[in-house]
Protein backbone atom coordinates (compact mmCIF):
# COMPACT_ATOMS: atom_id res chain seq x y z
CA UNK A 1 169.81 169.55 118.64
CA UNK A 2 169.46 172.05 121.85
CA UNK A 3 166.29 173.19 122.64
CA UNK A 4 165.59 176.80 121.23
CA UNK A 5 162.78 179.04 122.66
CA UNK A 6 162.05 182.51 121.11
CA UNK A 7 159.54 184.24 123.34
CA UNK A 8 157.42 187.67 122.39
CA UNK A 9 154.83 189.51 124.19
CA UNK A 10 151.33 190.47 123.31
CA UNK A 11 148.93 191.77 124.48
CA UNK A 12 147.01 188.49 125.98
CA UNK A 13 149.96 186.64 127.23
CA UNK A 14 152.54 185.48 124.68
CA UNK A 15 153.47 184.06 121.70
CA UNK A 16 156.44 181.22 122.08
CA UNK A 17 157.91 179.20 119.42
CA UNK A 18 160.20 176.42 120.53
CA UNK A 19 162.72 174.83 117.57
CA UNK A 20 164.62 171.65 118.43
CA UNK A 21 164.21 168.03 120.11
CA UNK A 22 161.68 167.41 122.71
CA UNK A 23 162.92 164.18 124.07
CA UNK A 24 164.05 162.57 127.21
CA UNK A 25 167.96 164.31 127.07
CA UNK A 26 166.26 167.91 126.80
CA UNK A 27 163.04 167.64 129.17
CA UNK A 28 164.96 169.25 132.02
CA UNK A 29 166.58 172.12 129.64
CA UNK A 30 162.59 172.78 128.09
CA UNK A 31 161.70 173.17 131.97
CA UNK A 32 164.22 175.03 132.23
CA UNK A 33 163.07 177.56 129.70
CA UNK A 34 159.34 177.52 130.77
CA UNK A 35 160.40 178.66 134.44
CA UNK A 36 161.18 182.46 133.12
CA UNK A 37 157.78 182.63 131.67
CA UNK A 38 156.11 185.13 133.88
CA UNK A 39 152.39 184.46 133.89
CA UNK A 40 149.46 186.26 135.28
CA UNK A 41 146.18 184.91 135.64
CA UNK A 42 143.74 184.96 132.40
CA UNK A 43 146.74 185.06 130.78
CA UNK A 44 146.90 183.22 126.58
CA UNK A 45 150.26 181.44 125.48
CA UNK A 46 150.06 180.62 121.88
CA UNK A 47 152.84 177.65 121.70
CA UNK A 48 154.71 177.29 118.46
CA UNK A 49 155.69 173.51 118.25
CA UNK A 50 156.81 174.09 113.96
CA UNK A 51 160.90 173.91 114.89
CA UNK A 52 160.00 170.66 116.92
CA UNK A 53 161.93 167.89 114.96
CA UNK A 54 161.35 165.03 117.07
CA UNK A 55 159.57 164.47 120.17
CA UNK A 56 158.95 161.36 122.22
CA UNK A 57 157.15 160.34 125.76
CA UNK A 58 158.79 162.54 127.72
CA UNK A 59 157.96 165.49 125.67
CA UNK A 60 154.81 164.71 125.24
CA UNK A 61 154.31 164.52 129.17
CA UNK A 62 156.18 167.56 129.56
CA UNK A 63 153.70 169.15 127.14
CA UNK A 64 150.65 167.35 129.40
CA UNK A 65 152.21 168.84 132.45
CA UNK A 66 152.06 172.63 130.68
CA UNK A 67 148.68 171.77 130.12
CA UNK A 68 147.78 170.66 133.56
CA UNK A 69 150.01 173.62 134.92
CA UNK A 70 147.58 176.44 132.93
CA UNK A 71 144.66 174.81 134.23
CA UNK A 72 145.51 174.91 137.97
CA UNK A 73 147.30 178.65 137.62
CA UNK A 74 144.56 179.92 135.45
CA UNK A 75 146.08 181.00 132.52
CA UNK A 76 145.68 179.37 128.97
CA UNK A 77 147.92 177.15 127.13
CA UNK A 78 147.62 176.96 123.15
CA UNK A 79 149.63 174.74 121.18
CA UNK A 80 150.13 175.92 117.23
CA UNK A 81 151.26 175.54 113.69
CA UNK A 82 152.39 171.41 114.67
CA UNK A 83 155.19 170.44 112.97
CA UNK A 84 154.97 166.02 111.81
CA UNK A 85 156.66 164.61 113.96
CA UNK A 86 154.68 166.05 117.29
CA UNK A 87 151.26 165.51 114.99
CA UNK A 88 151.85 162.05 114.64
CA UNK A 89 152.82 161.23 118.45
CA UNK A 90 149.33 163.35 118.93
CA UNK A 91 147.68 161.21 116.64
CA UNK A 92 149.49 158.16 117.77
CA UNK A 93 148.40 158.37 121.18
CA UNK A 94 144.70 160.27 120.55
CA UNK A 95 145.66 163.00 122.60
CA UNK A 96 144.55 165.69 120.53
CA UNK A 97 141.51 165.85 122.29
CA UNK A 98 143.46 165.87 125.25
CA UNK A 99 144.98 169.43 124.20
CA UNK A 100 141.62 170.66 122.90
CA UNK A 101 143.87 172.93 119.86
CA UNK A 102 142.44 173.10 116.51
CA UNK A 103 144.85 171.46 114.50
CA UNK A 104 146.02 172.49 110.53
CA UNK A 105 147.46 169.24 108.72
CA UNK A 106 149.61 170.18 105.28
CA UNK A 107 148.07 169.27 102.11
CA UNK A 108 151.45 166.97 101.68
CA UNK A 109 151.13 165.50 105.43
CA UNK A 110 147.57 164.75 105.68
CA UNK A 111 148.33 160.82 104.28
CA UNK A 112 150.99 160.45 107.48
CA UNK A 113 148.56 161.46 109.93
CA UNK A 114 144.40 160.02 110.00
CA UNK A 115 143.11 161.13 113.59
CA UNK A 116 141.70 157.72 114.24
CA UNK A 117 142.80 156.92 117.66
CA UNK A 118 141.40 157.80 120.76
CA UNK A 119 137.99 159.04 118.06
CA UNK A 120 136.15 155.74 118.43
CA UNK A 121 134.36 155.02 121.22
CA UNK A 122 135.30 150.90 122.86
CA UNK A 123 132.57 148.45 122.95
């Protein structure tokens, strides 16, 4: 599924919703979509991931790139409304704390994601 981005300007920055596959064949196209963002220092980007139907390691790396870029360029990126595929990958890789965003799990998905990976201390 081809990437789709809907962008809306807000007082504090942008609200952006993504739809499609955040996978290897499309990451380069997602990168082109993010290149049109004109971000000022101190702005906030609220990235709605509810429309992401599939995500792989390239997609996770891309989200990590955006998070790292936001820290370097002094803007805030917040992931929200995570789809089930995104939640499953973040859970499996223990990356919820890396992104530091509030995660809401729908009741019907609570059995599929437990967020146990990456939360225990190594012995």
